[in-house]
Amino acid sequence: MADKVLAIVFPITAFVTMGFEHSIANLFFLPYALALAGFGDAQLLVGSVRNLLAVTVGNILGGSVLVAGVYWLAYLRPGAEAMTSEALPRNTPDTGLERH
């Protein structure tokens, strides 16, 4: 069990330490802050909820726009040709054994 905890703690810690805001990473650290500061701190609770709402909305909008935008650029933009199996080059090795 300790190996699983250590395997997830360091990547999440690095992600947050680099300054990235992600709702899942924040859900990891905010309960820790609440446990350290105590659950009676109303300002911490309000700030935590505000942060989670803003970050979650930003993750949803940013992720959907960026992922959808990349797919649109790759496949759906005007003038982009769809790669079909007929358009792909055939990879046939030259074995020297040709059928006649």
N, C-alpha and C. Protein backbone atom coordinates (compact mmCIF):
# COMPACT_ATOMS: atom_id res chain seq x y z
N MET A 1 0.82 -1.19 0.00
CA MET A 1 0.00 0.00 0.00
C MET A 1 0.86 1.26 0.00
N ALA A 2 1.96 1.23 0.74
CA ALA A 2 2.83 2.40 0.80
C ALA A 2 3.42 2.72 -0.56
N ASP A 3 3.71 1.70 -1.37
CA ASP A 3 4.27 1.96 -2.69
C ASP A 3 3.27 2.68 -3.58
N LYS A 4 1.99 2.34 -3.46
CA LYS A 4 0.97 3.03 -4.26
C LYS A 4 0.81 4.48 -3.83
N VAL A 5 0.87 4.72 -2.55
CA VAL A 5 0.76 6.09 -2.05
C VAL A 5 1.95 6.91 -2.53
N LEU A 6 3.15 6.37 -2.40
CA LEU A 6 4.33 7.10 -2.85
C LEU A 6 4.34 7.30 -4.35
N ALA A 7 3.80 6.34 -5.08
CA ALA A 7 3.77 6.46 -6.53
C ALA A 7 2.85 7.59 -6.99
N ILE A 8 1.84 7.94 -6.22
CA ILE A 8 0.93 9.00 -6.64
C ILE A 8 1.26 10.34 -5.98
N VAL A 9 1.88 10.32 -4.80
CA VAL A 9 2.16 11.58 -4.10
C VAL A 9 3.18 12.42 -4.86
N PHE A 10 4.26 11.84 -5.32
CA PHE A 10 5.31 12.64 -5.96
C PHE A 10 4.89 13.25 -7.30
N PRO A 11 4.21 12.53 -8.20
CA PRO A 11 3.76 13.20 -9.43
C PRO A 11 2.77 14.32 -9.17
N ILE A 12 1.85 14.12 -8.24
CA ILE A 12 0.88 15.18 -7.95
C ILE A 12 1.58 16.36 -7.30
N THR A 13 2.50 16.09 -6.40
CA THR A 13 3.25 17.17 -5.76
C THR A 13 4.05 17.97 -6.79
N ALA A 14 4.68 17.29 -7.72
CA ALA A 14 5.44 17.98 -8.77
C ALA A 14 4.52 18.82 -9.65
N PHE A 15 3.36 18.29 -9.99
CA PHE A 15 2.39 19.01 -10.82
C PHE A 15 1.97 20.31 -10.15
N VAL A 16 1.65 20.24 -8.87
CA VAL A 16 1.20 21.43 -8.15
C VAL A 16 2.37 22.37 -7.88
N THR A 17 3.54 21.83 -7.59
CA THR A 17 4.71 22.66 -7.31
C THR A 17 5.10 23.49 -8.52
N MET A 18 4.88 22.96 -9.72
CA MET A 18 5.18 23.71 -10.93
C MET A 18 4.19 24.83 -11.17
N GLY A 19 3.15 24.90 -10.37
CA GLY A 19 2.21 26.01 -10.47
C GLY A 19 0.98 25.72 -11.30
N PHE A 20 0.81 24.50 -11.73
CA PHE A 20 -0.37 24.17 -12.51
C PHE A 20 -1.58 24.06 -11.59
N GLU A 21 -2.71 24.54 -12.05
CA GLU A 21 -3.95 24.43 -11.30
C GLU A 21 -4.80 23.36 -11.97
N HIS A 22 -5.14 22.36 -11.23
CA HIS A 22 -5.99 21.29 -11.74
C HIS A 22 -6.91 20.87 -10.61
N SER A 23 -8.16 20.69 -10.94
CA SER A 23 -9.14 20.41 -9.89
C SER A 23 -8.82 19.14 -9.12
N ILE A 24 -8.33 18.12 -9.79
CA ILE A 24 -8.01 16.88 -9.10
C ILE A 24 -6.80 17.07 -8.19
N ALA A 25 -5.80 17.80 -8.66
CA ALA A 25 -4.64 18.08 -7.81
C ALA A 25 -5.05 18.92 -6.60
N ASN A 26 -5.94 19.87 -6.82
CA ASN A 26 -6.40 20.69 -5.70
C ASN A 26 -7.23 19.87 -4.72
N LEU A 27 -7.99 18.92 -5.21
CA LEU A 27 -8.75 18.04 -4.31
C LEU A 27 -7.81 17.18 -3.47
N PHE A 28 -6.60 17.02 -3.91
CA PHE A 28 -5.60 16.27 -3.16
C PHE A 28 -5.03 17.13 -2.03
N PHE A 29 -4.76 18.41 -2.30
CA PHE A 29 -4.09 19.25 -1.32
C PHE A 29 -5.04 20.03 -0.40
N LEU A 30 -6.23 20.36 -0.84
CA LEU A 30 -7.12 21.15 0.00
C LEU A 30 -7.57 20.42 1.26
N PRO A 31 -7.90 19.14 1.21
CA PRO A 31 -8.21 18.46 2.47
C PRO A 31 -7.01 18.42 3.43
N TYR A 32 -5.84 18.35 2.89
CA TYR A 32 -4.63 18.38 3.72
C TYR A 32 -4.52 19.73 4.42
N ALA A 33 -4.76 20.81 3.68
CA ALA A 33 -4.73 22.14 4.29
C ALA A 33 -5.83 22.29 5.33
N LEU A 34 -7.00 21.75 5.03
CA LEU A 34 -8.09 21.82 6.01
C LEU A 34 -7.73 21.05 7.28
N ALA A 35 -7.10 19.93 7.14
CA ALA A 35 -6.71 19.15 8.30
C ALA A 35 -5.65 19.88 9.14
N LEU A 36 -4.74 20.59 8.46
CA LEU A 36 -3.71 21.33 9.19
C LEU A 36 -4.26 22.57 9.87
N ALA A 37 -5.14 23.30 9.17
CA ALA A 37 -5.66 24.57 9.69
C ALA A 37 -6.89 24.37 10.57
N GLY A 38 -7.52 23.26 10.43
CA GLY A 38 -8.74 23.02 11.20
C GLY A 38 -9.96 23.30 10.35
N PHE A 39 -11.01 22.59 10.63
CA PHE A 39 -12.22 22.71 9.82
C PHE A 39 -13.08 23.90 10.22
N GLY A 40 -12.70 24.62 11.27
CA GLY A 40 -13.50 25.75 11.71
C GLY A 40 -13.15 27.05 11.01
N ASP A 41 -12.15 27.06 10.18
CA ASP A 41 -11.74 28.29 9.49
C ASP A 41 -12.64 28.53 8.29
N ALA A 42 -13.58 29.46 8.43
CA ALA A 42 -14.57 29.73 7.38
C ALA A 42 -13.90 30.32 6.14
N GLN A 43 -12.90 31.16 6.32
CA GLN A 43 -12.23 31.78 5.17
C GLN A 43 -11.53 30.71 4.32
N LEU A 44 -10.92 29.72 4.95
CA LEU A 44 -10.28 28.64 4.22
C LEU A 44 -11.30 27.80 3.46
N LEU A 45 -12.43 27.54 4.09
CA LEU A 45 -13.48 26.76 3.41
C LEU A 45 -14.04 27.50 2.20
N VAL A 46 -14.33 28.78 2.38
CA VAL A 46 -14.88 29.58 1.26
C VAL A 46 -13.84 29.70 0.15
N GLY A 47 -12.59 29.95 0.51
CA GLY A 47 -11.53 30.05 -0.49
C GLY A 47 -11.32 28.73 -1.22
N SER A 48 -11.44 27.62 -0.51
CA SER A 48 -11.28 26.31 -1.13
C SER A 48 -12.38 26.04 -2.14
N VAL A 49 -13.62 26.33 -1.76
CA VAL A 49 -14.75 26.11 -2.68
C VAL A 49 -14.63 27.02 -3.89
N ARG A 50 -14.27 28.28 -3.67
CA ARG A 50 -14.11 29.24 -4.78
C ARG A 50 -13.01 28.77 -5.73
N ASN A 51 -11.90 28.32 -5.16
CA ASN A 51 -10.80 27.82 -5.98
C ASN A 51 -11.22 26.61 -6.79
N LEU A 52 -11.88 25.65 -6.16
CA LEU A 52 -12.30 24.44 -6.88
C LEU A 52 -13.28 24.75 -8.00
N LEU A 53 -14.21 25.67 -7.75
CA LEU A 53 -15.16 26.04 -8.81
C LEU A 53 -14.45 26.70 -9.99
N ALA A 54 -13.59 27.67 -9.69
CA ALA A 54 -12.88 28.37 -10.78
C ALA A 54 -11.97 27.44 -11.56
N VAL A 55 -11.24 26.61 -10.85
CA VAL A 55 -10.29 25.72 -11.52
C VAL A 55 -11.02 24.64 -12.32
N THR A 56 -12.12 24.12 -11.79
CA THR A 56 -12.88 23.10 -12.51
C THR A 56 -13.48 23.67 -13.79
N VAL A 57 -14.06 24.85 -13.70
CA VAL A 57 -14.61 25.48 -14.91
C VAL A 57 -13.49 25.74 -15.92
N GLY A 58 -12.34 26.22 -15.45
CA GLY A 58 -11.21 26.45 -16.35
C GLY A 58 -10.69 25.18 -16.97
N ASN A 59 -10.64 24.09 -16.20
CA ASN A 59 -10.20 22.81 -16.75
C ASN A 59 -11.16 22.29 -17.80
N ILE A 60 -12.45 22.42 -17.54
CA ILE A 60 -13.45 21.93 -18.50
C ILE A 60 -13.39 22.75 -19.78
N LEU A 61 -13.39 24.06 -19.65
CA LEU A 61 -13.35 24.91 -20.85
C LEU A 61 -12.02 24.77 -21.59
N GLY A 62 -10.92 24.85 -20.88
CA GLY A 62 -9.61 24.75 -21.52
C GLY A 62 -9.39 23.39 -22.15
N GLY A 63 -9.74 22.33 -21.44
CA GLY A 63 -9.56 20.99 -21.98
C GLY A 63 -10.43 20.72 -23.18
N SER A 64 -11.69 21.15 -23.10
CA SER A 64 -12.59 20.88 -24.23
C SER A 64 -12.21 21.72 -25.44
N VAL A 65 -11.84 22.97 -25.22
CA VAL A 65 -11.45 23.82 -26.35
C VAL A 65 -10.13 23.35 -26.95
N LEU A 66 -9.15 23.04 -26.11
CA LEU A 66 -7.86 22.62 -26.65
C LEU A 66 -7.93 21.26 -27.32
N VAL A 67 -8.58 20.30 -26.70
CA VAL A 67 -8.66 18.97 -27.30
C VAL A 67 -9.51 19.02 -28.56
N ALA A 68 -10.66 19.67 -28.48
CA ALA A 68 -11.52 19.78 -29.67
C ALA A 68 -10.84 20.60 -30.76
N GLY A 69 -10.09 21.62 -30.37
CA GLY A 69 -9.39 22.43 -31.36
C GLY A 69 -8.32 21.64 -32.10
N VAL A 70 -7.59 20.80 -31.40
CA VAL A 70 -6.56 19.98 -32.05
C VAL A 70 -7.21 18.99 -33.01
N TYR A 71 -8.30 18.36 -32.59
CA TYR A 71 -8.99 17.43 -33.49
C TYR A 71 -9.55 18.17 -34.70
N TRP A 72 -10.09 19.38 -34.49
CA TRP A 72 -10.63 20.15 -35.61
C TRP A 72 -9.51 20.49 -36.59
N LEU A 73 -8.37 20.93 -36.05
CA LEU A 73 -7.25 21.25 -36.94
C LEU A 73 -6.76 20.03 -37.70
N ALA A 74 -6.75 18.89 -37.03
CA ALA A 74 -6.21 17.69 -37.66
C ALA A 74 -7.17 17.05 -38.66
N TYR A 75 -8.47 17.10 -38.40
CA TYR A 75 -9.38 16.29 -39.20
C TYR A 75 -10.53 17.05 -39.85
N LEU A 76 -11.02 18.11 -39.26
CA LEU A 76 -12.27 18.68 -39.72
C LEU A 76 -12.17 20.05 -40.36
N ARG A 77 -11.06 20.71 -40.29
CA ARG A 77 -10.97 22.05 -40.86
C ARG A 77 -11.14 21.98 -42.37
N PRO A 78 -11.66 23.06 -42.96
CA PRO A 78 -11.83 23.07 -44.41
C PRO A 78 -10.49 22.87 -45.12
N GLY A 79 -10.49 21.99 -46.09
CA GLY A 79 -9.29 21.71 -46.86
C GLY A 79 -8.45 20.57 -46.32
N ALA A 80 -8.76 20.11 -45.13
CA ALA A 80 -8.01 18.98 -44.57
C ALA A 80 -8.54 17.70 -45.17
N GLU A 81 -7.64 16.90 -45.72
CA GLU A 81 -8.06 15.64 -46.32
C GLU A 81 -8.05 14.55 -45.25
N ALA A 82 -9.10 13.78 -45.23
CA ALA A 82 -9.16 12.67 -44.29
C ALA A 82 -8.23 11.56 -44.78
N MET A 83 -7.47 10.99 -43.88
CA MET A 83 -6.58 9.89 -44.23
C MET A 83 -7.38 8.60 -44.18
N THR A 84 -7.66 8.06 -45.30
CA THR A 84 -8.37 6.79 -45.36
C THR A 84 -7.38 5.67 -45.60
N SER A 85 -7.82 4.46 -45.50
CA SER A 85 -6.92 3.34 -45.71
C SER A 85 -6.43 3.29 -47.16
N GLU A 86 -7.21 3.82 -48.10
CA GLU A 86 -6.78 3.85 -49.50
C GLU A 86 -5.70 4.90 -49.72
N ALA A 87 -5.70 5.97 -48.89
CA ALA A 87 -4.73 7.05 -49.08
C ALA A 87 -3.40 6.75 -48.40
N LEU A 88 -3.37 5.79 -47.51
CA LEU A 88 -2.14 5.47 -46.81
C LEU A 88 -1.20 4.68 -47.72
N PRO A 89 0.10 4.92 -47.61
CA PRO A 89 1.04 4.16 -48.44
C PRO A 89 1.10 2.71 -47.99
N ARG A 90 1.30 1.85 -48.95
CA ARG A 90 1.40 0.42 -48.66
C ARG A 90 2.83 0.09 -48.28
N ASN A 91 2.99 -0.62 -47.23
CA ASN A 91 4.31 -1.03 -46.78
C ASN A 91 4.49 -2.50 -47.13
N THR A 92 5.09 -2.75 -48.27
CA THR A 92 5.32 -4.13 -48.72
C THR A 92 6.80 -4.38 -48.74
N PRO A 93 7.26 -5.32 -47.96
CA PRO A 93 8.70 -5.60 -47.94
C PRO A 93 9.13 -6.26 -49.25
N ASP A 94 10.34 -5.96 -49.68
CA ASP A 94 10.89 -6.55 -50.90
C ASP A 94 11.63 -7.82 -50.49
N THR A 95 10.94 -8.94 -50.67
CA THR A 95 11.55 -10.22 -50.29
C THR A 95 12.27 -10.87 -51.45
N GLY A 96 12.02 -10.41 -52.66
CA GLY A 96 12.62 -11.03 -53.82
C GLY A 96 11.86 -12.24 -54.30
N LEU A 97 10.83 -12.64 -53.59
CA LEU A 97 10.00 -13.77 -53.99
C LEU A 97 8.69 -13.24 -54.53
N GLU A 98 8.67 -12.99 -55.81
CA GLU A 98 7.46 -12.45 -56.41
C GLU A 98 6.67 -13.55 -57.08
N ARG A 99 5.38 -13.50 -56.98
CA ARG A 99 4.51 -14.46 -57.65
C ARG A 99 4.23 -13.97 -59.07
N HIS A 100 4.24 -14.89 -59.98
CA HIS A 100 3.95 -14.54 -61.38
C HIS A 100 2.69 -15.22 -61.81
